[in-house]
């Protein structure tokens, strides 16, 4: 029956009662050593205490820098990529996504790295001066929406 169940012999041990006089084995200092902070009652160190050394949390910089909340992150499209991947023609952002030239939903910025010989008419969200010059030099046009 459940009312007769008890733990195995020797599996449970009574807690040692310390500080009950010198005749007992845990008298006088009751296992706390002699003097000092830890021999007193109520002595606990707070979390992060480093023995009087300036704690790590106070050694860290107070402020964490600056992140511009208005920053716009563009997907980069180089002029050289257009030359390699596409035929001459008219392209806008949805068309470039269909052709898998652009892979994210970020706004697209056209940059001028690479050479361009084909004639493109492009509609993008932003473009650098060198990219616009390269497209116009090849006989094309860049429209920024």
C-alpha atoms as a PDB file:
ATOM      1  CA  UNK A   1       0.000   0.000   0.000  1.00  0.00           C
ATOM      2  CA  UNK A   2       1.074   3.610  -0.592  1.00  0.00           C
ATOM      3  CA  UNK A   3       0.886   4.430   3.105  1.00  0.00           C
ATOM      4  CA  UNK A   4       3.618   1.897   3.818  1.00  0.00           C
ATOM      5  CA  UNK A   5       6.066   3.151   1.160  1.00  0.00           C
ATOM      6  CA  UNK A   6       9.254   4.627   2.620  1.00  0.00           C
ATOM      7  CA  UNK A   7      12.634   5.575   1.165  1.00  0.00           C
ATOM      8  CA  UNK A   8      15.438   3.002   1.031  1.00  0.00           C
ATOM      9  CA  UNK A   9      17.692   2.753   4.039  1.00  0.00           C
ATOM     10  CA  UNK A  10      20.545   5.290   3.748  1.00  0.00           C
ATOM     11  CA  UNK A  11      19.075   7.202   0.780  1.00  0.00           C
ATOM     12  CA  UNK A  12      17.875  10.109   2.932  1.00  0.00           C
ATOM     13  CA  UNK A  13      20.187  11.914   5.328  1.00  0.00           C
ATOM     14  CA  UNK A  14      19.231  14.410   8.024  1.00  0.00           C
ATOM     15  CA  UNK A  15      20.677  17.914   7.725  1.00  0.00           C
ATOM     16  CA  UNK A  16      23.474  18.659  10.193  1.00  0.00           C
ATOM     17  CA  UNK A  17      22.257  21.053  12.889  1.00  0.00           C
ATOM     18  CA  UNK A  18      25.165  23.439  13.399  1.00  0.00           C
ATOM     19  CA  UNK A  19      25.727  26.135  15.979  1.00  0.00           C
ATOM     20  CA  UNK A  20      24.080  24.329  18.914  1.00  0.00           C
ATOM     21  CA  UNK A  21      26.849  24.669  21.462  1.00  0.00           C
ATOM     22  CA  UNK A  22      30.410  23.405  21.827  1.00  0.00           C
ATOM     23  CA  UNK A  23      29.465  19.939  22.990  1.00  0.00           C
ATOM     24  CA  UNK A  24      27.990  19.278  19.552  1.00  0.00           C
ATOM     25  CA  UNK A  25      30.380  18.845  16.629  1.00  0.00           C
ATOM     26  CA  UNK A  26      29.250  22.035  14.894  1.00  0.00           C
ATOM     27  CA  UNK A  27      29.610  24.547  17.722  1.00  0.00           C
ATOM     28  CA  UNK A  28      31.472  27.852  18.101  1.00  0.00           C
ATOM     29  CA  UNK A  29      31.931  29.004  14.494  1.00  0.00           C
ATOM     30  CA  UNK A  30      29.518  26.416  13.076  1.00  0.00           C
ATOM     31  CA  UNK A  31      31.641  25.680  10.012  1.00  0.00           C
ATOM     32  CA  UNK A  32      31.892  29.333   8.968  1.00  0.00           C
ATOM     33  CA  UNK A  33      35.542  29.881   9.747  1.00  0.00           C
ATOM     34  CA  UNK A  34      36.570  32.604  12.161  1.00  0.00           C
ATOM     35  CA  UNK A  35      35.904  36.293  11.555  1.00  0.00           C
ATOM     36  CA  UNK A  36      34.923  38.250   8.502  1.00  0.00           C
ATOM     37  CA  UNK A  37      32.102  38.974   6.155  1.00  0.00           C
ATOM     38  CA  UNK A  38      31.049  35.387   5.589  1.00  0.00           C
ATOM     39  CA  UNK A  39      30.940  34.450   9.239  1.00  0.00           C
ATOM     40  CA  UNK A  40      28.111  36.936   9.826  1.00  0.00           C
ATOM     41  CA  UNK A  41      24.470  36.300   9.213  1.00  0.00           C
ATOM     42  CA  UNK A  42      22.855  37.982   6.238  1.00  0.00           C
ATOM     43  CA  UNK A  43      26.121  38.025   4.320  1.00  0.00           C
ATOM     44  CA  UNK A  44      25.581  37.441   0.649  1.00  0.00           C
ATOM     45  CA  UNK A  45      27.348  39.178  -2.194  1.00  0.00           C
ATOM     46  CA  UNK A  46      25.232  40.677  -4.901  1.00  0.00           C
ATOM     47  CA  UNK A  47      25.400  39.263  -8.411  1.00  0.00           C
ATOM     48  CA  UNK A  48      28.383  40.569 -10.365  1.00  0.00           C
ATOM     49  CA  UNK A  49      30.450  41.425  -7.257  1.00  0.00           C
ATOM     50  CA  UNK A  50      34.173  41.103  -8.017  1.00  0.00           C
ATOM     51  CA  UNK A  51      35.763  41.559  -4.603  1.00  0.00           C
ATOM     52  CA  UNK A  52      36.004  45.338  -4.756  1.00  0.00           C
ATOM     53  CA  UNK A  53      37.439  45.411  -8.285  1.00  0.00           C
ATOM     54  CA  UNK A  54      35.363  47.598 -10.615  1.00  0.00           C
ATOM     55  CA  UNK A  55      32.771  45.161 -11.942  1.00  0.00           C
ATOM     56  CA  UNK A  56      32.594  44.240 -15.605  1.00  0.00           C
ATOM     57  CA  UNK A  57      29.247  45.940 -15.983  1.00  0.00           C
ATOM     58  CA  UNK A  58      30.712  49.265 -14.859  1.00  0.00           C
ATOM     59  CA  UNK A  59      33.806  48.873 -17.048  1.00  0.00           C
ATOM     60  CA  UNK A  60      31.704  48.732 -20.215  1.00  0.00           C
ATOM     61  CA  UNK A  61      31.041  51.902 -22.249  1.00  0.00           C
ATOM     62  CA  UNK A  62      28.005  53.783 -21.011  1.00  0.00           C
ATOM     63  CA  UNK A  63      26.390  54.399 -24.378  1.00  0.00           C
ATOM     64  CA  UNK A  64      26.152  51.953 -27.256  1.00  0.00           C
ATOM     65  CA  UNK A  65      26.790  54.157 -30.272  1.00  0.00           C
ATOM     66  CA  UNK A  66      24.324  55.289 -32.901  1.00  0.00           C
ATOM     67  CA  UNK A  67      22.225  53.509 -35.504  1.00  0.00           C
ATOM     68  CA  UNK A  68      20.458  55.737 -37.987  1.00  0.00           C
ATOM     69  CA  UNK A  69      16.749  54.848 -37.915  1.00  0.00           C
ATOM     70  CA  UNK A  70      16.198  56.439 -41.354  1.00  0.00           C
ATOM     71  CA  UNK A  71      18.901  54.461 -43.184  1.00  0.00           C
ATOM     72  CA  UNK A  72      17.677  52.865 -46.406  1.00  0.00           C
ATOM     73  CA  UNK A  73      19.374  49.614 -47.349  1.00  0.00           C
ATOM     74  CA  UNK A  74      19.488  49.049 -51.101  1.00  0.00           C
ATOM     75  CA  UNK A  75      20.007  45.937 -53.159  1.00  0.00           C
ATOM     76  CA  UNK A  76      22.982  46.664 -55.391  1.00  0.00           C
ATOM     77  CA  UNK A  77      22.806  46.141 -59.142  1.00  0.00           C
ATOM     78  CA  UNK A  78      26.011  46.744 -61.085  1.00  0.00           C
ATOM     79  CA  UNK A  79      26.116  47.856 -64.713  1.00  0.00           C
ATOM     80  CA  UNK A  80      28.469  44.947 -65.488  1.00  0.00           C
ATOM     81  CA  UNK A  81      25.835  42.474 -64.260  1.00  0.00           C
ATOM     82  CA  UNK A  82      23.317  43.920 -66.720  1.00  0.00           C
ATOM     83  CA  UNK A  83      25.817  43.485 -69.545  1.00  0.00           C
ATOM     84  CA  UNK A  84      26.469  39.826 -68.661  1.00  0.00           C
ATOM     85  CA  UNK A  85      22.982  38.640 -67.688  1.00  0.00           C
ATOM     86  CA  UNK A  86      20.491  40.516 -69.876  1.00  0.00           C
ATOM     87  CA  UNK A  87      19.803  41.422 -73.476  1.00  0.00           C
ATOM     88  CA  UNK A  88      19.349  45.075 -74.452  1.00  0.00           C
ATOM     89  CA  UNK A  89      15.860  46.401 -73.692  1.00  0.00           C
ATOM     90  CA  UNK A  90      13.583  48.056 -71.178  1.00  0.00           C
ATOM     91  CA  UNK A  91      13.621  46.833 -67.567  1.00  0.00           C
ATOM     92  CA  UNK A  92      12.051  47.880 -64.297  1.00  0.00           C
ATOM     93  CA  UNK A  93      12.298  46.399 -60.790  1.00  0.00           C
ATOM     94  CA  UNK A  94       9.520  43.742 -61.156  1.00  0.00           C
ATOM     95  CA  UNK A  95      11.022  42.583 -64.456  1.00  0.00           C
ATOM     96  CA  UNK A  96      14.472  42.298 -62.871  1.00  0.00           C
ATOM     97  CA  UNK A  97      12.935  40.206 -60.060  1.00  0.00           C
ATOM     98  CA  UNK A  98      11.300  37.902 -62.643  1.00  0.00           C
ATOM     99  CA  UNK A  99      14.665  37.482 -64.404  1.00  0.00           C
ATOM    100  CA  UNK A 100      16.221  36.657 -60.977  1.00  0.00           C
ATOM    101  CA  UNK A 101      18.759  39.475 -61.231  1.00  0.00           C
ATOM    102  CA  UNK A 102      17.333  40.897 -57.985  1.00  0.00           C
ATOM    103  CA  UNK A 103      16.572  38.487 -55.157  1.00  0.00           C
ATOM    104  CA  UNK A 104      15.193  40.617 -52.288  1.00  0.00           C
ATOM    105  CA  UNK A 105      12.375  43.105 -51.833  1.00  0.00           C
ATOM    106  CA  UNK A 106      14.760  45.939 -50.941  1.00  0.00           C
ATOM    107  CA  UNK A 107      14.843  49.042 -53.153  1.00  0.00           C
ATOM    108  CA  UNK A 108      17.303  48.721 -56.045  1.00  0.00           C
ATOM    109  CA  UNK A 109      20.308  50.975 -56.593  1.00  0.00           C
ATOM    110  CA  UNK A 110      22.207  50.907 -59.867  1.00  0.00           C
ATOM    111  CA  UNK A 111      25.987  51.226 -59.501  1.00  0.00           C
ATOM    112  CA  UNK A 112      28.592  51.849 -62.170  1.00  0.00           C
ATOM    113  CA  UNK A 113      30.961  48.919 -61.712  1.00  0.00           C
ATOM    114  CA  UNK A 114      31.770  47.106 -64.936  1.00  0.00           C
ATOM    115  CA  UNK A 115      31.460  48.032 -68.615  1.00  0.00           C
ATOM    116  CA  UNK A 116      28.258  48.475 -70.596  1.00  0.00           C
ATOM    117  CA  UNK A 117      27.890  48.246 -74.382  1.00  0.00           C
ATOM    118  CA  UNK A 118      24.216  47.281 -74.755  1.00  0.00           C
ATOM    119  CA  UNK A 119      21.395  49.819 -74.829  1.00  0.00           C
ATOM    120  CA  UNK A 120      19.197  49.658 -71.698  1.00  0.00           C
ATOM    121  CA  UNK A 121      16.211  51.703 -70.551  1.00  0.00           C
ATOM    122  CA  UNK A 122      16.048  51.179 -66.783  1.00  0.00           C
ATOM    123  CA  UNK A 123      13.636  52.189 -64.037  1.00  0.00           C
ATOM    124  CA  UNK A 124      15.220  51.783 -60.572  1.00  0.00           C
ATOM    125  CA  UNK A 125      14.873  53.318 -57.098  1.00  0.00           C
ATOM    126  CA  UNK A 126      18.308  54.984 -57.067  1.00  0.00           C
ATOM    127  CA  UNK A 127      21.423  55.227 -59.226  1.00  0.00           C
ATOM    128  CA  UNK A 128      24.957  56.546 -58.876  1.00  0.00           C
ATOM    129  CA  UNK A 129      26.307  59.234 -61.212  1.00  0.00           C
ATOM    130  CA  UNK A 130      28.798  56.826 -62.783  1.00  0.00           C
ATOM    131  CA  UNK A 131      26.030  54.289 -63.475  1.00  0.00           C
ATOM    132  CA  UNK A 132      23.827  56.918 -65.155  1.00  0.00           C
ATOM    133  CA  UNK A 133      26.802  58.092 -67.245  1.00  0.00           C
ATOM    134  CA  UNK A 134      27.639  54.520 -68.305  1.00  0.00           C
ATOM    135  CA  UNK A 135      24.044  53.769 -69.392  1.00  0.00           C
ATOM    136  CA  UNK A 136      23.692  57.073 -71.258  1.00  0.00           C
ATOM    137  CA  UNK A 137      27.098  56.588 -72.928  1.00  0.00           C
ATOM    138  CA  UNK A 138      25.835  53.228 -74.284  1.00  0.00           C
ATOM    139  CA  UNK A 139      22.724  55.017 -75.649  1.00  0.00           C
ATOM    140  CA  UNK A 140      20.285  54.087 -72.896  1.00  0.00           C
ATOM    141  CA  UNK A 141      18.327  55.923 -70.241  1.00  0.00           C
ATOM    142  CA  UNK A 142      17.885  55.660 -66.447  1.00  0.00           C
ATOM    143  CA  UNK A 143      14.646  56.695 -64.737  1.00  0.00           C
ATOM    144  CA  UNK A 144      14.561  56.962 -60.953  1.00  0.00           C
ATOM    145  CA  UNK A 145      11.184  56.248 -59.355  1.00  0.00           C
END
